[in-house]
Amino acid sequence: MELLNNKYLNGKQDWPNGAQINNMTTTLYRPVGPKELALIDQSGWKKFPPRLPEQPIFYPVMNEEYAIQIARDWNVAASGSGFVTKFAVKTDYLKQFDVQNVGGHIHNELWIPAEQLDEFNNNIVGEIEVTKSFYPTDK
């Protein structure tokens, strides 16, 4: 699949596979485990925590379906629970990042270098919210 880029940021359109955009903000999703969720809570639901040294990229995903897959299938197995967060980011800021497809047609994400996470957080509009939660008993 060819890289998707700024053509989706030139007006009122949808990005591929679910990310809603308008002229001001783009809705993104981030699957997280309980530790990351606790740090988001500590920030007042305003920012994502810094990446660990072995995590060079912060990757929000473009649609809730993909975020659900990761939270349910990976985060639960790795840390006992998984959560889907939803948040809005200034669309103009996101123009610098290409959409990366990492698998199937829904597997689209943005790759934000870890050193740019503070800037990314400063471009979040409103609060980060939890839309779904998963535990080992969920199928």
Protein backbone atom coordinates (compact mmCIF):
# COMPACT_ATOMS: atom_id res chain seq x y z
CA MET A 1 0.00 0.00 0.00
CA GLU A 2 1.40 3.39 -0.90
CA LEU A 3 2.09 5.78 1.93
CA LEU A 4 -0.83 8.05 2.58
CA ASN A 5 0.06 11.64 3.17
CA ASN A 6 -1.06 15.22 3.35
CA LYS A 7 -3.75 14.82 0.69
CA TYR A 8 -6.04 13.83 3.56
CA LEU A 9 -5.29 17.04 5.44
CA ASN A 10 -6.41 19.53 2.82
CA GLY A 11 -9.96 20.14 3.96
CA LYS A 12 -12.90 18.36 5.45
CA GLN A 13 -12.31 14.68 4.69
CA ASP A 14 -11.83 11.37 6.46
CA TRP A 15 -8.44 9.77 6.68
CA PRO A 16 -8.44 6.16 5.59
CA ASN A 17 -10.10 3.65 7.88
CA GLY A 18 -11.71 5.81 10.45
CA ALA A 19 -9.71 8.80 11.67
CA GLN A 20 -12.09 11.72 11.56
CA ILE A 21 -10.69 15.07 10.59
CA ASN A 22 -11.94 18.55 10.03
CA ASN A 23 -10.10 21.78 9.41
CA MET A 24 -9.04 22.04 13.05
CA THR A 25 -8.48 18.60 14.63
CA THR A 26 -7.94 14.96 13.79
CA THR A 27 -9.23 12.17 16.04
CA LEU A 28 -6.61 9.55 16.84
CA TYR A 29 -6.51 6.49 19.09
CA ARG A 30 -3.85 4.95 21.30
CA PRO A 31 -3.99 1.48 22.87
CA VAL A 32 -2.36 1.47 26.31
CA GLY A 33 -1.74 -0.82 29.25
CA PRO A 34 -2.48 0.02 32.90
CA LYS A 35 0.87 1.68 33.65
CA GLU A 36 0.62 4.09 30.72
CA LEU A 37 -3.03 4.77 31.57
CA ALA A 38 -2.07 5.68 35.15
CA LEU A 39 0.51 8.17 33.83
CA ILE A 40 -2.08 9.70 31.49
CA ASP A 41 -4.40 10.06 34.48
CA GLN A 42 -1.60 11.74 36.48
CA SER A 43 -1.28 14.31 33.67
CA GLY A 44 -4.92 15.29 34.11
CA TRP A 45 -5.80 13.41 30.91
CA LYS A 46 -3.80 15.96 28.89
CA LYS A 47 -0.67 14.14 27.69
CA PHE A 48 1.05 10.86 26.99
CA PRO A 49 4.09 9.92 29.10
CA PRO A 50 7.64 10.04 27.75
CA ARG A 51 8.82 7.01 25.84
CA LEU A 52 11.23 4.56 27.46
CA PRO A 53 14.79 4.44 26.06
CA GLU A 54 13.97 1.29 24.07
CA GLN A 55 10.89 2.97 22.52
CA PRO A 56 12.07 5.38 19.80
CA ILE A 57 8.60 5.95 18.32
CA PHE A 58 5.22 6.96 19.71
CA TYR A 59 2.53 5.57 17.44
CA PRO A 60 -1.07 6.72 17.66
CA VAL A 61 -3.35 4.76 15.37
CA MET A 62 -5.86 6.04 12.83
CA ASN A 63 -8.97 4.10 13.84
CA GLU A 64 -10.61 2.56 16.87
CA GLU A 65 -10.85 -0.93 15.33
CA TYR A 66 -7.06 -1.20 15.12
CA ALA A 67 -6.64 0.24 18.63
CA ILE A 68 -9.10 -2.36 19.95
CA GLN A 69 -7.09 -5.19 18.36
CA ILE A 70 -3.90 -4.03 20.05
CA ALA A 71 -5.46 -3.31 23.46
CA ARG A 72 -7.39 -6.60 23.55
CA ASP A 73 -4.83 -8.91 21.96
CA TRP A 74 -1.47 -7.45 23.02
CA ASN A 75 -1.92 -5.21 26.06
CA VAL A 76 -4.04 -7.73 28.00
CA ALA A 77 -1.51 -10.49 27.38
CA ALA A 78 1.44 -8.26 28.25
CA SER A 79 0.08 -6.42 31.28
CA GLY A 80 -3.25 -7.89 32.39
CA SER A 81 -5.48 -5.21 30.90
CA GLY A 82 -5.74 -3.00 27.85
CA PHE A 83 -7.42 0.31 27.17
CA VAL A 84 -8.28 2.29 24.04
CA THR A 85 -7.79 6.03 24.33
CA LYS A 86 -9.25 8.61 21.96
CA PHE A 87 -8.02 12.16 21.54
CA ALA A 88 -7.94 15.08 19.11
CA VAL A 89 -4.78 16.65 17.71
CA LYS A 90 -4.41 19.86 15.72
CA THR A 91 -4.62 18.86 12.07
CA ASP A 92 -2.06 21.45 10.92
CA TYR A 93 0.52 19.92 13.27
CA LEU A 94 -0.08 16.41 11.90
CA LYS A 95 0.65 17.47 8.30
CA GLN A 96 4.34 16.73 8.85
CA PHE A 97 3.74 13.00 9.43
CA ASP A 98 2.93 10.38 6.80
CA VAL A 99 0.45 7.62 7.56
CA GLN A 100 2.29 4.33 7.91
CA ASN A 101 0.49 1.11 6.97
CA VAL A 102 1.93 -1.80 8.96
CA GLY A 103 -0.23 -4.70 7.83
CA GLY A 104 -3.85 -5.01 6.77
CA HIS A 105 -6.09 -2.25 5.47
CA ILE A 106 -6.98 -1.02 9.00
CA HIS A 107 -3.40 -1.04 10.31
CA ASN A 108 -2.60 2.65 9.79
CA GLU A 109 -0.65 4.68 12.31
CA LEU A 110 1.50 7.76 12.66
CA TRP A 111 5.11 7.47 13.75
CA ILE A 112 6.08 10.29 16.09
CA PRO A 113 9.78 10.29 17.07
CA ALA A 114 10.11 10.00 20.86
CA GLU A 115 11.98 13.31 21.02
CA GLN A 116 8.92 15.04 19.52
CA LEU A 117 6.39 13.66 22.02
CA ASP A 118 6.30 16.84 24.12
CA GLU A 119 5.46 18.85 20.99
CA PHE A 120 2.83 16.25 20.03
CA ASN A 121 1.29 16.50 23.52
CA ASN A 122 1.18 20.29 23.20
CA ASN A 123 -0.97 19.87 20.09
CA ILE A 124 -3.61 17.69 21.76
CA VAL A 125 -6.92 19.55 21.95
CA GLY A 126 -9.06 18.74 24.97
CA GLU A 127 -8.67 15.63 27.09
CA ILE A 128 -7.61 12.09 26.33
CA GLU A 129 -10.54 9.76 26.98
CA VAL A 130 -10.89 6.01 27.44
CA THR A 131 -13.38 4.46 25.02
CA LYS A 132 -12.83 0.74 25.70
CA SER A 133 -11.25 -1.46 28.36
CA PHE A 134 -10.26 -5.13 28.18
CA TYR A 135 -9.36 -7.74 30.80
CA PRO A 136 -8.33 -11.41 30.64
CA THR A 137 -11.94 -12.56 30.95
CA ASP A 138 -12.97 -10.62 27.82
CA LYS A 139 -13.10 -12.62 24.61
